[in-house]
Amino acid sequence: MTDTSSTPPTESAAQAPRPSRLHLLMRFIPLIAPVLLWAVPCWVLLHSGQHWPLPVTLLGTALFALGLICMPLAMVRGHGRHQQDRAAIIGDTLLGSSWVLFTWSVLLGALLRLALTMADVGESQDRARIVTWAVLAVTAVLLAWGYAEARRVPRVRRLDVQLPRLGAGLDGLRVVLITDTHYGPLDRARWSARVCETVNTLEADLVCHTGDIADGTAERRRAQAAPLGTVRATRARVYVTGNHEYYSEAQGWVDLMDELGWEPLRNRHLLLERGGDTLVVAGVDDVTAESSGLAGHRAHLAGALDGADPDLPVLLLAHQPTFVDRAAAAGIDLQLSGHTHGGQIWPFHHLVRLDQPVLAGLSHHGPRTLLYTSRGTGFWGPPFRVFAPSEITLLVLRSPHTATSLQR
């Protein structure tokens, strides 16, 4: 691996991105979302014809009201200026639980009630109570399963990726991608160590981390991130910043990853050479970096490729899939990204698609560019993953210029 780094450019290659539809929507969601998340299930489960005994109705309504009050207060206390981990855990758990309960109150509540009515099952009160118990049961099962999915070591997803410009000497190159580890209020030091042990079983030539290492400063989450120093690769370990680094002193994370033996690719590239062929491995800061106010932090693709032979294939690390428009315009061969979490808790993926061009997996953009979007290795906020499993990704790069793949 040859280092071709230079001082990151001080000028921006492009204007700051315009606010996306999701960003505009998010300005209004905090005002109405908590009320909807708690009021809708309260109505569906307690006040839509069940005729529960008065103590049950009063107690249930009080619990929903308590959730509506406690959730935003805990989240502000946990993620705001105070940064209290216990409050963050409570707020995040209430957020995830209310989202699942809201979703299935709306979907299952409407569909099941319609089905029961068409089948003429019981009286109106009976049907309403069946809906309540069914929604509660489905919510409980999904939350238990989602919690287990979020806390488990991700499964390894393997796929071959053919790059037309990849030389025969690089055929079979093994690239492991982890991303969005989101070390945070829930201590996951043991989980982090087990993830790194799994990565080491994959015998990678190149290991990539495409950002969102943690929620919190490097000093605060150091113990959870420390196992990343044990990751092995025959060629290099490379890292780029995600948007969450810019919420918590990004330069501290860049310095810690460097200390742990990773190469922070801040608008620069390295050359990976094998069998007489070369691959350019480039990285850019997250697209939110420029608005962070940190000197020298910005997504600058021209700077990342400065000095690279334009005839060589390029693997680019960029945290957000939305960067692929710039990558395709520059003729990048393969971009690796994370950020989306695959939606994390269904059906949140519909909102993610308002902001990002791809939710997960391998996609084609422009005449040459491939984008692989990981569903993420960890989770953000609510400790649940529902119909959006985490992953550790092994991409085996293939060249069309050899009839027989190199064996390792």
Protein backbone atom coordinates (compact mmCIF):
# COMPACT_ATOMS: atom_id res chain seq x y z
CA MET A 1 0.00 0.00 0.00
CA THR A 2 1.47 3.30 -1.10
CA ASP A 3 0.45 6.49 0.69
CA THR A 4 -0.16 9.36 -1.72
CA SER A 5 -1.71 11.67 0.86
CA SER A 6 -1.26 15.38 0.89
CA THR A 7 -2.58 18.20 3.01
CA PRO A 8 -6.38 18.22 2.58
CA PRO A 9 -7.42 21.02 0.24
CA THR A 10 -8.85 24.14 1.79
CA GLU A 11 -11.20 24.92 -1.04
CA SER A 12 -14.47 23.12 -1.63
CA ALA A 13 -14.93 21.26 -4.89
CA ALA A 14 -18.65 21.89 -4.90
CA GLN A 15 -21.18 24.04 -3.23
CA ALA A 16 -22.73 22.78 0.00
CA PRO A 17 -25.61 20.41 -0.77
CA ARG A 18 -29.10 21.87 -0.70
CA PRO A 19 -31.34 20.71 2.15
CA SER A 20 -33.04 17.45 1.20
CA ARG A 21 -36.75 16.76 1.46
CA LEU A 22 -36.11 14.68 4.57
CA HIS A 23 -34.19 17.49 6.23
CA LEU A 24 -37.07 19.88 5.57
CA LEU A 25 -39.57 17.35 6.86
CA MET A 26 -37.51 16.76 9.97
CA ARG A 27 -37.94 20.40 10.99
CA PHE A 28 -41.63 19.79 11.61
CA ILE A 29 -41.67 16.15 12.74
CA PRO A 30 -40.39 16.83 16.30
CA LEU A 31 -43.41 19.05 16.90
CA ILE A 32 -46.10 16.54 15.99
CA ALA A 33 -44.44 13.10 16.01
CA PRO A 34 -44.49 12.48 19.79
CA VAL A 35 -48.20 13.30 19.98
CA LEU A 36 -49.03 11.00 17.07
CA LEU A 37 -46.81 8.17 18.31
CA TRP A 38 -48.61 8.03 21.65
CA ALA A 39 -52.11 9.39 20.93
CA VAL A 40 -52.91 7.11 17.97
CA PRO A 41 -52.19 3.80 19.79
CA CYS A 42 -53.98 5.14 22.88
CA TRP A 43 -57.11 5.73 20.81
CA VAL A 44 -56.91 2.46 18.86
CA LEU A 45 -56.25 0.26 21.91
CA LEU A 46 -58.38 1.94 24.55
CA HIS A 47 -61.00 4.28 23.13
CA SER A 48 -62.31 2.82 19.86
CA GLY A 49 -65.16 0.67 21.10
CA GLN A 50 -63.48 -1.64 23.62
CA HIS A 51 -65.53 -0.36 26.57
CA TRP A 52 -62.90 -1.46 29.06
CA PRO A 53 -63.69 -1.08 32.77
CA LEU A 54 -63.07 2.49 33.87
CA PRO A 55 -59.93 1.70 35.95
CA VAL A 56 -58.35 -0.03 32.91
CA THR A 57 -59.16 2.91 30.64
CA LEU A 58 -57.83 5.47 33.13
CA LEU A 59 -54.64 3.51 33.88
CA GLY A 60 -53.93 2.84 30.20
CA THR A 61 -54.51 6.46 29.24
CA ALA A 62 -52.24 7.61 32.06
CA LEU A 63 -49.47 5.31 30.83
CA PHE A 64 -49.70 6.70 27.31
CA ALA A 65 -49.67 10.24 28.66
CA LEU A 66 -46.63 9.41 30.78
CA GLY A 67 -44.85 8.05 27.70
CA LEU A 68 -45.70 11.21 25.74
CA ILE A 69 -44.19 13.37 28.47
CA CYS A 70 -41.17 11.23 29.38
CA MET A 71 -39.92 10.34 25.88
CA PRO A 72 -39.01 13.84 24.63
CA LEU A 73 -37.74 14.91 28.06
CA ALA A 74 -35.46 11.86 28.30
CA MET A 75 -34.18 12.30 24.76
CA VAL A 76 -33.37 15.97 25.30
CA ARG A 77 -31.61 15.09 28.55
CA GLY A 78 -29.78 12.18 26.95
CA HIS A 79 -28.78 13.66 23.59
CA GLY A 80 -28.73 17.35 24.39
CA ARG A 81 -26.33 19.43 26.42
CA HIS A 82 -26.41 17.14 29.47
CA GLN A 83 -25.51 13.94 27.54
CA GLN A 84 -26.84 11.62 30.26
CA ASP A 85 -26.52 8.04 29.06
CA ARG A 86 -29.26 6.66 31.30
CA ALA A 87 -31.73 9.25 30.05
CA ALA A 88 -30.70 8.52 26.46
CA ILE A 89 -31.37 4.80 26.95
CA ILE A 90 -34.83 5.51 28.37
CA GLY A 91 -35.72 8.03 25.67
CA ASP A 92 -34.40 5.89 22.81
CA THR A 93 -36.20 2.78 24.08
CA LEU A 94 -39.47 4.67 24.41
CA LEU A 95 -39.01 6.08 20.90
CA GLY A 96 -38.47 2.65 19.34
CA SER A 97 -41.29 1.07 21.32
CA SER A 98 -43.78 3.82 20.47
CA TRP A 99 -42.84 3.64 16.78
CA VAL A 100 -43.51 -0.10 16.61
CA LEU A 101 -46.73 0.25 18.61
CA PHE A 102 -47.91 3.14 16.41
CA THR A 103 -47.12 1.26 13.19
CA TRP A 104 -49.02 -1.87 14.13
CA SER A 105 -51.88 0.02 15.76
CA VAL A 106 -52.47 1.68 12.40
CA LEU A 107 -51.79 -1.28 10.08
CA LEU A 108 -52.99 -4.27 12.05
CA GLY A 109 -55.68 -2.28 13.81
CA ALA A 110 -57.34 -1.26 10.57
CA LEU A 111 -56.86 -4.49 8.62
CA LEU A 112 -57.79 -6.88 11.41
CA ARG A 113 -60.88 -4.90 12.36
CA LEU A 114 -61.99 -4.88 8.72
CA ALA A 115 -61.40 -8.64 8.41
CA LEU A 116 -63.30 -9.39 11.61
CA THR A 117 -66.18 -7.19 10.53
CA MET A 118 -66.39 -8.83 7.08
CA ALA A 119 -66.29 -12.26 8.74
CA ASP A 120 -68.99 -11.14 11.18
CA VAL A 121 -66.93 -12.28 14.16
CA GLY A 122 -68.52 -11.35 17.50
CA GLU A 123 -69.99 -8.04 18.53
CA SER A 124 -68.35 -4.65 17.93
CA GLN A 125 -66.83 -4.65 21.41
CA ASP A 126 -65.41 -8.14 20.94
CA ARG A 127 -63.76 -7.16 17.67
CA ALA A 128 -62.27 -4.03 19.21
CA ARG A 129 -60.79 -6.03 22.10
CA ILE A 130 -59.38 -8.67 19.74
CA VAL A 131 -57.62 -5.89 17.85
CA THR A 132 -56.15 -4.53 21.10
CA TRP A 133 -54.73 -7.86 22.21
CA ALA A 134 -53.43 -8.67 18.72
CA VAL A 135 -51.62 -5.32 18.41
CA LEU A 136 -50.08 -5.68 21.86
CA ALA A 137 -48.94 -9.25 21.12
CA VAL A 138 -47.39 -8.36 17.74
CA THR A 139 -45.65 -5.32 19.25
CA ALA A 140 -44.21 -7.36 22.12
CA VAL A 141 -42.90 -10.06 19.78
CA LEU A 142 -41.36 -7.56 17.35
CA LEU A 143 -39.68 -5.57 20.13
CA ALA A 144 -38.19 -8.69 21.72
CA TRP A 145 -36.97 -9.97 18.35
CA GLY A 146 -35.79 -6.52 17.28
CA TYR A 147 -33.79 -6.09 20.48
CA ALA A 148 -32.07 -9.46 19.97
CA GLU A 149 -31.32 -8.55 16.34
CA ALA A 150 -29.81 -5.20 17.34
CA ARG A 151 -27.58 -6.64 20.05
CA ARG A 152 -26.32 -9.71 18.17
CA VAL A 153 -23.05 -9.89 16.24
CA PRO A 154 -24.08 -9.17 12.63
CA ARG A 155 -24.20 -11.93 10.09
CA VAL A 156 -21.59 -11.80 7.33
CA ARG A 157 -22.95 -10.91 3.91
CA ARG A 158 -20.71 -12.12 1.09
CA LEU A 159 -20.86 -11.08 -2.55
CA ASP A 160 -18.61 -10.90 -5.61
CA VAL A 161 -18.34 -7.51 -7.31
CA GLN A 162 -16.91 -7.34 -10.82
CA LEU A 163 -15.12 -4.13 -11.74
CA PRO A 164 -14.44 -3.88 -15.49
CA ARG A 165 -11.23 -1.87 -15.00
CA LEU A 166 -9.79 -4.07 -12.24
CA GLY A 167 -6.52 -5.70 -13.28
CA ALA A 168 -6.08 -9.47 -13.19
CA GLY A 169 -3.49 -9.18 -10.42
CA LEU A 170 -6.18 -7.82 -8.08
CA ASP A 171 -8.78 -10.46 -8.89
CA GLY A 172 -10.06 -11.99 -5.65
CA LEU A 173 -9.14 -9.00 -3.49
CA ARG A 174 -11.09 -9.32 -0.22
CA VAL A 175 -12.65 -6.11 1.09
CA VAL A 176 -14.50 -6.13 4.42
CA LEU A 177 -16.90 -3.28 5.19
CA ILE A 178 -18.13 -2.31 8.64
CA THR A 179 -20.00 0.92 9.29
CA ASP A 180 -22.39 2.71 11.64
CA THR A 181 -21.14 0.96 14.76
CA HIS A 182 -22.69 3.79 16.81
CA TYR A 183 -21.03 3.04 20.12
CA GLY A 184 -23.21 4.91 22.57
CA PRO A 185 -25.15 5.00 25.84
CA LEU A 186 -25.52 1.20 25.97
CA ASP A 187 -22.03 -0.13 26.70
CA ARG A 188 -21.13 -2.48 23.82
CA ALA A 189 -17.44 -3.07 24.44
CA ARG A 190 -17.91 -6.86 24.43
CA TRP A 191 -20.06 -6.67 21.31
CA SER A 192 -17.37 -4.54 19.66
CA ALA A 193 -14.71 -7.14 20.47
CA ARG A 194 -16.84 -9.94 19.02
CA VAL A 195 -17.47 -7.95 15.84
CA CYS A 196 -13.73 -7.47 15.40
CA GLU A 197 -13.11 -11.18 16.00
CA THR A 198 -15.61 -11.97 13.25
CA VAL A 199 -13.92 -9.54 10.88
CA ASN A 200 -10.58 -11.23 11.55
CA THR A 201 -11.96 -14.61 10.46
CA LEU A 202 -12.59 -13.19 6.96
CA GLU A 203 -8.89 -12.83 6.07
CA ALA A 204 -9.39 -9.41 4.52
CA ASP A 205 -6.88 -7.62 2.35
CA LEU A 206 -8.61 -4.30 3.05
CA VAL A 207 -10.94 -3.42 5.93
CA CYS A 208 -13.08 -0.28 5.62
CA HIS A 209 -15.10 1.65 8.17
CA THR A 210 -17.35 4.20 6.51
CA GLY A 211 -18.18 6.31 9.55
CA ASP A 212 -20.64 6.90 12.38
CA ILE A 213 -18.32 5.15 14.78
CA ALA A 214 -20.10 6.42 17.87
CA ASP A 215 -22.51 8.83 19.51
CA GLY A 216 -20.33 10.79 21.88
CA THR A 217 -16.74 11.98 21.91
CA ALA A 218 -13.75 9.71 21.33
CA GLU A 219 -12.71 10.21 24.94
CA ARG A 220 -16.12 9.13 26.21
CA ARG A 221 -16.53 6.07 23.94
CA ARG A 222 -12.87 5.02 23.79
CA ALA A 223 -13.43 1.72 25.64
CA GLN A 224 -16.08 0.60 23.14
CA ALA A 225 -13.99 1.64 20.13
CA ALA A 226 -10.71 0.19 21.41
CA PRO A 227 -11.28 -3.32 19.93
CA LEU A 228 -11.06 -1.77 16.45
CA GLY A 229 -7.32 -1.70 17.08
CA THR A 230 -7.32 -5.53 16.94
CA VAL A 231 -8.73 -5.72 13.40
CA ARG A 232 -6.32 -7.35 10.94
CA ALA A 233 -5.89 -6.76 7.21
CA THR A 234 -3.07 -7.84 4.92
CA ARG A 235 -2.95 -4.45 3.17
CA ALA A 236 -4.67 -1.65 5.09
CA ARG A 237 -7.48 -0.55 7.40
CA VAL A 238 -9.12 2.66 6.21
CA TYR A 239 -11.74 4.97 7.69
CA VAL A 240 -13.83 8.00 6.73
CA THR A 241 -15.99 10.21 8.92
CA GLY A 242 -19.77 9.96 9.12
CA ASN A 243 -22.25 12.66 10.04
CA HIS A 244 -22.40 11.56 13.70
CA GLU A 245 -18.71 12.30 14.19
CA TYR A 246 -19.57 15.92 13.50
CA TYR A 247 -22.00 15.92 16.41
CA SER A 248 -19.21 14.96 18.82
CA GLU A 249 -15.78 16.42 18.04
CA ALA A 250 -14.92 14.70 14.76
CA GLN A 251 -11.21 15.45 14.90
CA GLY A 252 -11.00 13.44 18.11
CA TRP A 253 -12.33 10.39 16.27
CA VAL A 254 -9.93 10.92 13.39
CA ASP A 255 -7.05 11.05 15.87
CA LEU A 256 -8.24 7.97 17.78
CA MET A 257 -8.62 5.88 14.62
CA ASP A 258 -5.13 6.92 13.58
CA GLU A 259 -3.90 5.88 17.04
CA LEU A 260 -5.61 2.49 16.64
CA GLY A 261 -3.73 1.89 13.40
CA TRP A 262 -6.41 2.85 10.88
CA GLU A 263 -5.75 5.20 7.94
CA PRO A 264 -8.18 8.14 8.04
CA LEU A 265 -8.82 8.93 4.38
CA ARG A 266 -9.72 12.58 4.72
CA ASN A 267 -10.01 13.68 1.08
CA ARG A 268 -6.98 11.65 0.05
CA HIS A 269 -6.13 8.25 -1.36
CA LEU A 270 -3.81 5.27 -1.04
CA LEU A 271 -2.60 2.87 -3.71
CA LEU A 272 -3.10 -0.85 -3.24
CA GLU A 273 -0.79 -2.89 -5.45
CA ARG A 274 -0.83 -6.63 -6.10
CA GLY A 275 0.25 -8.83 -8.99
CA GLY A 276 1.45 -5.88 -11.01
CA ASP A 277 -1.92 -4.10 -10.85
CA THR A 278 -3.05 -1.13 -8.77
CA LEU A 279 -6.28 -0.04 -7.11
CA VAL A 280 -6.84 3.53 -5.90
CA VAL A 281 -8.50 3.50 -2.46
CA ALA A 282 -9.88 6.98 -1.79
CA GLY A 283 -12.01 8.55 0.91
CA VAL A 284 -13.89 11.77 1.56
CA ASP A 285 -15.23 13.46 4.68
CA ASP A 286 -18.97 13.22 5.20
CA VAL A 287 -21.10 15.68 3.25
CA THR A 288 -22.12 17.38 6.51
CA ALA A 289 -18.49 18.17 7.37
CA GLU A 290 -18.38 21.60 5.76
CA SER A 291 -21.30 22.89 7.85
CA SER A 292 -19.62 21.63 11.04
CA GLY A 293 -17.28 24.60 11.17
CA LEU A 294 -14.19 22.42 11.67
CA ALA A 295 -11.25 23.79 9.72
CA GLY A 296 -10.29 21.65 6.74
CA HIS A 297 -13.26 19.28 7.05
CA ARG A 298 -15.33 18.98 3.88
CA ALA A 299 -16.24 16.41 1.25
CA HIS A 300 -13.74 17.08 -1.54
CA LEU A 301 -13.59 14.35 -4.17
CA ALA A 302 -11.16 16.20 -6.43
CA GLY A 303 -8.75 16.47 -3.51
CA ALA A 304 -9.16 12.77 -2.72
CA LEU A 305 -8.19 11.85 -6.29
CA ASP A 306 -5.47 14.46 -6.71
CA GLY A 307 -2.39 12.82 -8.25
CA ALA A 308 -4.10 9.49 -8.99
CA ASP A 309 -3.74 7.98 -12.47
CA PRO A 310 -7.19 8.42 -14.12
CA ASP A 311 -6.75 5.08 -15.89
CA LEU A 312 -6.67 3.17 -12.58
CA PRO A 313 -9.83 1.74 -10.97
CA VAL A 314 -11.04 3.61 -7.89
CA LEU A 315 -12.70 2.32 -4.72
CA LEU A 316 -14.21 5.27 -2.84
CA LEU A 317 -15.32 5.43 0.79
CA ALA A 318 -18.12 7.96 1.39
CA HIS A 319 -20.44 7.68 4.36
CA GLN A 320 -23.71 8.64 2.68
CA PRO A 321 -25.06 6.95 -0.48
CA THR A 322 -26.22 10.36 -1.70
CA PHE A 323 -22.60 11.15 -2.57
CA VAL A 324 -22.85 8.68 -5.47
CA ASP A 325 -24.00 11.42 -7.85
CA ARG A 326 -20.60 13.10 -7.52
CA ALA A 327 -18.84 9.72 -7.65
CA ALA A 328 -20.60 8.75 -10.88
CA ALA A 329 -19.78 12.11 -12.45
CA ALA A 330 -16.11 11.49 -11.64
CA GLY A 331 -16.16 7.94 -13.05
CA ILE A 332 -15.57 6.16 -9.73
CA ASP A 333 -15.70 2.37 -10.10
CA LEU A 334 -17.08 1.40 -6.68
CA GLN A 335 -18.37 3.50 -3.77
CA LEU A 336 -18.84 1.97 -0.31
CA SER A 337 -21.34 3.63 2.02
CA GLY A 338 -23.51 3.11 5.09
CA HIS A 339 -25.71 5.67 6.87
CA THR A 340 -29.16 4.24 6.00
CA HIS A 341 -29.21 1.31 8.50
CA GLY A 342 -31.56 -0.29 5.97
CA GLY A 343 -34.28 1.70 7.74
CA GLN A 344 -33.48 -0.03 11.09
CA ILE A 345 -37.11 -0.27 12.22
CA TRP A 346 -39.68 -1.03 9.52
CA PRO A 347 -41.33 0.93 7.91
CA PHE A 348 -38.93 3.83 8.62
CA HIS A 349 -37.16 2.94 5.35
CA HIS A 350 -39.80 4.96 3.48
CA LEU A 351 -38.50 8.12 5.18
CA VAL A 352 -34.89 7.12 4.48
CA ARG A 353 -35.69 6.87 0.78
CA LEU A 354 -36.74 10.53 0.81
CA ASP A 355 -33.15 11.43 1.69
CA GLN A 356 -31.02 8.74 0.04
CA PRO A 357 -31.03 7.20 -3.46
CA VAL A 358 -30.51 3.65 -2.17
CA LEU A 359 -31.55 1.80 0.98
CA ALA A 360 -29.17 -1.16 0.90
CA GLY A 361 -27.23 -3.49 -1.37
CA LEU A 362 -25.44 -3.15 -4.71
CA SER A 363 -26.73 -0.64 -7.24
CA HIS A 364 -25.59 0.87 -10.57
CA HIS A 365 -25.21 4.60 -11.18
CA GLY A 366 -24.15 6.18 -14.44
CA PRO A 367 -22.18 4.32 -17.09
CA ARG A 368 -19.56 2.84 -14.75
CA THR A 369 -20.17 3.43 -11.05
CA LEU A 370 -21.30 0.75 -8.61
CA LEU A 371 -22.51 1.63 -5.11
CA TYR A 372 -22.65 -0.79 -2.22
CA THR A 373 -24.75 0.45 0.70
CA SER A 374 -24.44 -1.46 3.96
CA ARG A 375 -27.36 -1.77 6.37
CA GLY A 376 -24.84 -0.99 9.10
CA THR A 377 -23.06 -3.00 11.75
CA GLY A 378 -24.63 -1.47 14.86
CA PHE A 379 -27.73 0.59 15.57
CA TRP A 380 -28.53 4.19 16.37
CA GLY A 381 -30.77 5.25 19.25
CA PRO A 382 -33.58 2.73 19.78
CA PRO A 383 -31.95 -0.65 20.52
CA PHE A 384 -34.09 -2.46 17.96
CA ARG A 385 -33.74 -3.72 14.40
CA VAL A 386 -37.02 -4.81 12.81
CA PHE A 387 -36.89 -6.27 9.29
CA ALA A 388 -33.54 -4.50 8.74
CA PRO A 389 -30.77 -6.84 9.95
CA SER A 390 -27.27 -5.54 10.59
CA GLU A 391 -24.34 -6.81 8.57
CA ILE A 392 -20.61 -7.24 8.20
CA THR A 393 -19.92 -7.24 4.48
CA LEU A 394 -17.29 -9.20 2.58
CA LEU A 395 -16.91 -7.99 -1.00
CA VAL A 396 -14.65 -10.05 -3.23
CA LEU A 397 -13.51 -7.89 -6.14
CA ARG A 398 -13.41 -9.64 -9.49
CA SER A 399 -11.60 -8.75 -12.69
CA PRO A 400 -12.97 -9.63 -16.12
CA HIS A 401 -9.42 -9.90 -17.42
CA THR A 402 -8.68 -13.36 -16.06
CA ALA A 403 -10.38 -16.64 -16.75
CA THR A 404 -9.44 -18.24 -13.43
CA SER A 405 -9.73 -16.44 -10.13
CA LEU A 406 -6.74 -16.29 -7.85
CA GLN A 407 -7.00 -18.81 -5.04
CA ARG A 408 -6.01 -17.88 -1.51
